[in-house]
């Protein structure tokens, strides 16, 4: 597993994805202008409160520094370079969010990383 946040390995995510950038304005020729930073999302399928607690504990050990250095799958640009992991610094980690419940258990959790400059 190559995922790392501030040098620590988070609980193993079920999925990882890059989120679309926010449109901040539109140019005169009607083309969108995007915010420079991107966001990425770790999604965890959970079956117990203990799993969520482990994710929350991981957040508490990292969040006190204010910013994070993450090692995640590189944002894909048309460079011809094969798929790999890349390190991004100056990122901000959000608090884990618990997803909807099924019966008495949470179905998933999301850990959002913002302010990821990929260019």
N, C-alpha and C. Protein backbone atom coordinates (compact mmCIF):
# COMPACT_ATOMS: atom_id res chain seq x y z
N UNK A 1 0.85 -1.18 0.00
CA UNK A 1 0.00 0.00 0.00
C UNK A 1 0.89 1.24 0.00
N UNK A 2 0.65 2.17 -0.87
CA UNK A 2 1.46 3.37 -1.02
C UNK A 2 0.83 4.61 -0.39
N UNK A 3 -0.43 4.54 0.03
CA UNK A 3 -1.08 5.72 0.60
C UNK A 3 -0.38 6.13 1.88
N UNK A 4 -0.04 7.43 1.99
CA UNK A 4 0.57 7.94 3.20
C UNK A 4 0.08 9.37 3.43
N UNK A 5 -0.09 9.70 4.70
CA UNK A 5 -0.43 11.06 5.11
C UNK A 5 0.54 11.43 6.22
N UNK A 6 1.35 12.46 5.97
CA UNK A 6 2.42 12.85 6.90
C UNK A 6 3.30 11.67 7.28
N UNK A 7 3.59 10.83 6.32
CA UNK A 7 4.47 9.69 6.54
C UNK A 7 3.82 8.50 7.22
N UNK A 8 2.57 8.64 7.62
CA UNK A 8 1.86 7.54 8.29
C UNK A 8 0.90 6.88 7.32
N UNK A 9 0.75 5.60 7.47
CA UNK A 9 -0.17 4.84 6.63
C UNK A 9 -1.57 4.89 7.23
N UNK A 10 -2.55 5.44 6.49
CA UNK A 10 -3.92 5.48 7.03
C UNK A 10 -4.55 4.09 6.97
N UNK A 11 -5.69 3.90 7.63
CA UNK A 11 -6.41 2.65 7.42
C UNK A 11 -6.64 2.46 5.93
N UNK A 12 -6.64 1.24 5.48
CA UNK A 12 -6.73 0.94 4.05
C UNK A 12 -8.06 1.41 3.47
N UNK A 13 -8.04 2.37 2.52
CA UNK A 13 -9.30 2.83 1.94
C UNK A 13 -9.87 1.80 0.96
N UNK A 14 -11.18 1.78 0.86
CA UNK A 14 -11.84 0.92 -0.12
C UNK A 14 -11.68 1.53 -1.51
N UNK A 15 -11.85 2.86 -1.60
CA UNK A 15 -11.67 3.56 -2.87
C UNK A 15 -10.97 4.89 -2.64
N UNK A 16 -10.33 5.37 -3.69
CA UNK A 16 -9.71 6.69 -3.69
C UNK A 16 -10.12 7.35 -5.00
N UNK A 17 -10.42 8.66 -4.97
CA UNK A 17 -10.74 9.35 -6.22
C UNK A 17 -10.40 10.83 -6.12
N UNK A 18 -10.14 11.40 -7.29
CA UNK A 18 -9.96 12.84 -7.43
C UNK A 18 -11.33 13.45 -7.70
N UNK A 19 -11.67 14.52 -7.01
CA UNK A 19 -12.95 15.19 -7.19
C UNK A 19 -12.82 16.31 -8.23
N UNK A 20 -13.90 16.64 -8.93
CA UNK A 20 -13.85 17.75 -9.90
C UNK A 20 -13.53 19.07 -9.20
N UNK A 21 -12.81 19.94 -9.91
CA UNK A 21 -12.50 21.26 -9.35
C UNK A 21 -13.71 22.18 -9.43
N UNK A 22 -13.73 23.15 -8.56
CA UNK A 22 -14.81 24.13 -8.48
C UNK A 22 -14.59 25.21 -9.54
N UNK A 23 -15.65 25.59 -10.24
CA UNK A 23 -15.59 26.68 -11.21
C UNK A 23 -15.72 27.99 -10.44
N UNK A 24 -14.76 28.90 -10.61
CA UNK A 24 -14.80 30.16 -9.87
C UNK A 24 -15.32 31.32 -10.71
N UNK A 25 -15.24 31.19 -12.04
CA UNK A 25 -15.73 32.26 -12.91
C UNK A 25 -15.78 31.73 -14.34
N UNK A 26 -16.24 32.61 -15.25
CA UNK A 26 -16.30 32.25 -16.66
C UNK A 26 -15.59 33.36 -17.45
N UNK A 27 -14.72 32.95 -18.36
CA UNK A 27 -14.01 33.92 -19.20
C UNK A 27 -14.96 34.56 -20.20
N UNK A 28 -14.48 35.59 -20.89
CA UNK A 28 -15.29 36.29 -21.89
C UNK A 28 -15.73 35.39 -23.03
N UNK A 29 -14.94 34.36 -23.35
CA UNK A 29 -15.32 33.44 -24.43
C UNK A 29 -16.12 32.25 -23.90
N UNK A 30 -16.66 32.40 -22.71
CA UNK A 30 -17.55 31.42 -22.08
C UNK A 30 -16.85 30.13 -21.66
N UNK A 31 -15.55 30.19 -21.41
CA UNK A 31 -14.83 29.03 -20.89
C UNK A 31 -14.71 29.16 -19.38
N UNK A 32 -14.87 28.05 -18.65
CA UNK A 32 -14.79 28.14 -17.19
C UNK A 32 -13.36 28.38 -16.70
N UNK A 33 -13.27 29.07 -15.59
CA UNK A 33 -12.00 29.26 -14.89
C UNK A 33 -12.10 28.44 -13.61
N UNK A 34 -11.16 27.53 -13.43
CA UNK A 34 -11.20 26.62 -12.28
C UNK A 34 -10.26 27.09 -11.17
N UNK A 35 -10.62 26.77 -9.95
CA UNK A 35 -9.73 26.99 -8.81
C UNK A 35 -8.52 26.09 -8.98
N UNK A 36 -7.33 26.57 -8.59
CA UNK A 36 -6.11 25.79 -8.78
C UNK A 36 -6.07 24.52 -7.93
N UNK A 37 -6.41 24.59 -6.64
CA UNK A 37 -6.30 23.36 -5.84
C UNK A 37 -7.38 22.34 -6.17
N UNK A 38 -7.02 21.11 -6.02
CA UNK A 38 -7.96 20.01 -6.20
C UNK A 38 -8.29 19.40 -4.84
N UNK A 39 -9.23 18.46 -4.87
CA UNK A 39 -9.59 17.70 -3.67
C UNK A 39 -9.55 16.22 -4.02
N UNK A 40 -9.21 15.41 -3.04
CA UNK A 40 -9.28 13.97 -3.24
C UNK A 40 -10.00 13.35 -2.05
N UNK A 41 -10.51 12.17 -2.29
CA UNK A 41 -11.38 11.54 -1.29
C UNK A 41 -10.98 10.10 -1.06
N UNK A 42 -10.78 9.78 0.22
CA UNK A 42 -10.60 8.39 0.64
C UNK A 42 -11.97 7.92 1.12
N UNK A 43 -12.44 6.79 0.63
CA UNK A 43 -13.72 6.24 1.09
C UNK A 43 -13.44 4.89 1.73
N UNK A 44 -14.04 4.69 2.89
CA UNK A 44 -13.85 3.46 3.66
C UNK A 44 -15.19 2.79 3.87
N UNK A 45 -15.30 1.53 3.49
CA UNK A 45 -16.49 0.76 3.83
C UNK A 45 -16.30 0.28 5.26
N UNK A 46 -17.24 0.61 6.12
CA UNK A 46 -17.11 0.28 7.53
C UNK A 46 -18.21 -0.66 7.98
N UNK A 47 -17.92 -1.42 8.97
CA UNK A 47 -18.92 -2.34 9.51
C UNK A 47 -19.08 -2.17 11.01
N UNK A 48 -18.25 -1.34 11.64
CA UNK A 48 -18.36 -1.21 13.09
C UNK A 48 -17.92 0.18 13.54
N UNK A 49 -18.28 0.51 14.76
CA UNK A 49 -17.84 1.76 15.35
C UNK A 49 -16.34 1.73 15.62
N UNK A 50 -15.79 0.56 15.88
CA UNK A 50 -14.36 0.43 16.12
C UNK A 50 -13.56 0.87 14.90
N UNK A 51 -14.04 0.52 13.69
CA UNK A 51 -13.37 0.93 12.47
C UNK A 51 -13.38 2.46 12.33
N UNK A 52 -14.53 3.06 12.60
CA UNK A 52 -14.62 4.51 12.51
C UNK A 52 -13.75 5.17 13.58
N UNK A 53 -13.72 4.59 14.75
CA UNK A 53 -12.90 5.11 15.83
C UNK A 53 -11.42 5.08 15.45
N UNK A 54 -10.98 4.02 14.78
CA UNK A 54 -9.59 3.93 14.34
C UNK A 54 -9.27 5.03 13.33
N UNK A 55 -10.20 5.30 12.43
CA UNK A 55 -10.03 6.37 11.45
C UNK A 55 -10.00 7.74 12.15
N UNK A 56 -10.88 7.93 13.12
CA UNK A 56 -10.92 9.19 13.88
C UNK A 56 -9.63 9.38 14.66
N UNK A 57 -9.10 8.33 15.27
CA UNK A 57 -7.83 8.42 16.00
C UNK A 57 -6.69 8.80 15.06
N UNK A 58 -6.69 8.23 13.86
CA UNK A 58 -5.69 8.57 12.86
C UNK A 58 -5.77 10.07 12.54
N UNK A 59 -6.98 10.59 12.36
CA UNK A 59 -7.18 12.01 12.09
C UNK A 59 -6.63 12.87 13.23
N UNK A 60 -6.91 12.50 14.47
CA UNK A 60 -6.45 13.29 15.61
C UNK A 60 -4.93 13.32 15.70
N UNK A 61 -4.25 12.27 15.32
CA UNK A 61 -2.79 12.26 15.39
C UNK A 61 -2.16 13.11 14.29
N UNK A 62 -2.86 13.33 13.19
CA UNK A 62 -2.33 14.08 12.06
C UNK A 62 -2.77 15.54 12.06
N UNK A 63 -4.03 15.82 12.38
CA UNK A 63 -4.62 17.14 12.17
C UNK A 63 -4.00 18.25 13.00
N UNK A 64 -3.30 17.94 14.04
CA UNK A 64 -2.74 18.99 14.89
C UNK A 64 -1.65 19.79 14.19
N UNK A 65 -1.09 19.26 13.09
CA UNK A 65 -0.03 19.98 12.40
C UNK A 65 -0.57 21.06 11.47
N UNK A 66 -1.84 21.03 11.13
CA UNK A 66 -2.44 22.04 10.27
C UNK A 66 -2.40 21.69 8.80
N UNK A 67 -1.26 21.27 8.28
CA UNK A 67 -1.17 20.88 6.87
C UNK A 67 -0.62 19.47 6.80
N UNK A 68 -0.81 18.85 5.65
CA UNK A 68 -0.39 17.46 5.49
C UNK A 68 0.38 17.29 4.18
N UNK A 69 1.25 16.31 4.18
CA UNK A 69 1.92 15.84 2.97
C UNK A 69 1.30 14.48 2.68
N UNK A 70 0.73 14.35 1.49
CA UNK A 70 0.06 13.09 1.15
C UNK A 70 0.79 12.39 0.01
N UNK A 71 0.73 11.09 0.01
CA UNK A 71 1.26 10.26 -1.06
C UNK A 71 0.08 9.44 -1.59
N UNK A 72 -0.38 9.81 -2.79
CA UNK A 72 -1.58 9.21 -3.37
C UNK A 72 -1.35 8.96 -4.85
N UNK A 73 -2.27 8.25 -5.53
CA UNK A 73 -2.13 8.09 -6.97
C UNK A 73 -2.06 9.46 -7.66
N UNK A 74 -1.08 9.64 -8.52
CA UNK A 74 -0.87 10.93 -9.19
C UNK A 74 -2.08 11.33 -10.01
N UNK A 75 -2.35 12.64 -10.02
CA UNK A 75 -3.43 13.12 -10.87
C UNK A 75 -3.02 12.89 -12.31
N UNK A 76 -3.87 12.29 -13.14
CA UNK A 76 -3.45 11.91 -14.50
C UNK A 76 -3.41 13.10 -15.46
N UNK A 77 -2.22 13.38 -15.93
CA UNK A 77 -2.03 14.37 -16.99
C UNK A 77 -1.54 13.63 -18.22
N UNK A 78 -1.65 14.23 -19.38
CA UNK A 78 -1.25 13.59 -20.63
C UNK A 78 0.24 13.60 -20.86
N UNK A 79 1.01 13.08 -19.92
CA UNK A 79 2.46 13.10 -20.04
C UNK A 79 3.02 11.78 -20.54
N UNK A 80 2.19 10.76 -20.62
CA UNK A 80 2.69 9.46 -21.05
C UNK A 80 3.36 8.67 -19.95
N UNK A 81 3.40 9.22 -18.74
CA UNK A 81 4.02 8.52 -17.63
C UNK A 81 3.04 7.48 -17.09
N UNK A 82 3.54 6.31 -16.78
CA UNK A 82 2.69 5.23 -16.27
C UNK A 82 2.10 5.62 -14.92
N UNK A 83 1.01 4.97 -14.59
CA UNK A 83 0.32 5.18 -13.31
C UNK A 83 1.29 4.99 -12.16
N UNK A 84 1.25 5.91 -11.21
CA UNK A 84 2.11 5.80 -10.05
C UNK A 84 1.63 6.72 -8.95
N UNK A 85 2.33 6.67 -7.84
CA UNK A 85 1.99 7.51 -6.70
C UNK A 85 2.88 8.74 -6.69
N UNK A 86 2.33 9.83 -6.14
CA UNK A 86 3.08 11.07 -6.08
C UNK A 86 2.83 11.74 -4.74
N UNK A 87 3.79 12.51 -4.30
CA UNK A 87 3.68 13.23 -3.04
C UNK A 87 3.24 14.67 -3.30
N UNK A 88 2.22 15.13 -2.54
CA UNK A 88 1.73 16.50 -2.62
C UNK A 88 1.83 17.11 -1.23
N UNK A 89 2.37 18.33 -1.15
CA UNK A 89 2.53 18.97 0.16
C UNK A 89 1.58 20.16 0.29
N UNK A 90 1.42 20.64 1.52
CA UNK A 90 0.58 21.80 1.79
C UNK A 90 -0.91 21.50 1.75
N UNK A 91 -1.28 20.24 1.88
CA UNK A 91 -2.68 19.82 1.81
C UNK A 91 -3.35 19.98 3.18
N UNK A 92 -4.66 20.02 3.16
CA UNK A 92 -5.44 20.12 4.38
C UNK A 92 -6.35 18.90 4.49
N UNK A 93 -6.35 18.28 5.65
CA UNK A 93 -7.15 17.08 5.86
C UNK A 93 -8.41 17.44 6.64
N UNK A 94 -9.56 17.03 6.10
CA UNK A 94 -10.82 17.24 6.79
C UNK A 94 -11.10 16.14 7.79
N UNK A 95 -11.99 16.42 8.71
CA UNK A 95 -12.38 15.41 9.69
C UNK A 95 -13.16 14.30 9.01
N UNK A 96 -12.95 13.05 9.38
CA UNK A 96 -13.71 11.96 8.75
C UNK A 96 -15.21 12.15 8.96
N UNK A 97 -15.96 11.86 7.90
CA UNK A 97 -17.41 11.98 7.96
C UNK A 97 -18.02 10.59 7.88
N UNK A 98 -18.97 10.32 8.75
CA UNK A 98 -19.64 9.03 8.76
C UNK A 98 -20.79 9.06 7.77
N UNK A 99 -20.92 8.00 6.98
CA UNK A 99 -21.99 7.91 5.99
C UNK A 99 -23.30 7.46 6.60
N UNK A 100 -24.27 7.15 5.76
CA UNK A 100 -25.58 6.73 6.25
C UNK A 100 -25.49 5.38 6.98
N UNK A 101 -26.45 5.16 7.84
CA UNK A 101 -26.51 3.92 8.60
C UNK A 101 -27.38 2.89 7.88
N UNK A 102 -27.01 1.64 8.02
CA UNK A 102 -27.85 0.53 7.60
C UNK A 102 -28.09 -0.30 8.86
N UNK A 103 -29.33 -0.41 9.24
CA UNK A 103 -29.71 -0.98 10.53
C UNK A 103 -28.98 -0.20 11.61
N UNK A 104 -28.04 -0.79 12.33
CA UNK A 104 -27.39 -0.04 13.40
C UNK A 104 -25.91 0.22 13.15
N UNK A 105 -25.46 0.05 11.91
CA UNK A 105 -24.05 0.23 11.60
C UNK A 105 -23.86 1.27 10.49
N UNK A 106 -22.79 2.07 10.59
CA UNK A 106 -22.50 3.01 9.50
C UNK A 106 -22.05 2.22 8.27
N UNK A 107 -22.48 2.67 7.10
CA UNK A 107 -22.11 1.94 5.88
C UNK A 107 -20.75 2.34 5.35
N UNK A 108 -20.35 3.59 5.60
CA UNK A 108 -19.04 4.01 5.11
C UNK A 108 -18.60 5.28 5.81
N UNK A 109 -17.37 5.70 5.50
CA UNK A 109 -16.83 6.96 6.00
C UNK A 109 -16.00 7.58 4.89
N UNK A 110 -15.89 8.90 4.93
CA UNK A 110 -15.14 9.63 3.91
C UNK A 110 -14.11 10.52 4.61
N UNK A 111 -12.90 10.51 4.07
CA UNK A 111 -11.85 11.40 4.54
C UNK A 111 -11.48 12.27 3.35
N UNK A 112 -11.72 13.57 3.47
CA UNK A 112 -11.51 14.51 2.36
C UNK A 112 -10.20 15.25 2.57
N UNK A 113 -9.39 15.29 1.53
CA UNK A 113 -8.14 16.05 1.53
C UNK A 113 -8.33 17.20 0.55
N UNK A 114 -8.11 18.42 1.03
CA UNK A 114 -8.31 19.60 0.17
C UNK A 114 -6.98 20.33 -0.03
N UNK A 115 -7.04 21.35 -0.87
CA UNK A 115 -5.88 22.20 -1.15
C UNK A 115 -4.70 21.41 -1.73
N UNK A 116 -5.02 20.49 -2.64
CA UNK A 116 -3.99 19.69 -3.29
C UNK A 116 -3.64 20.35 -4.62
N UNK A 117 -2.45 20.92 -4.72
CA UNK A 117 -2.01 21.58 -5.95
C UNK A 117 -1.28 20.55 -6.80
N UNK A 118 -1.87 20.21 -7.94
CA UNK A 118 -1.32 19.15 -8.79
C UNK A 118 -0.52 19.68 -9.97
N UNK A 119 -0.56 20.98 -10.22
CA UNK A 119 0.14 21.53 -11.39
C UNK A 119 1.37 22.29 -11.00
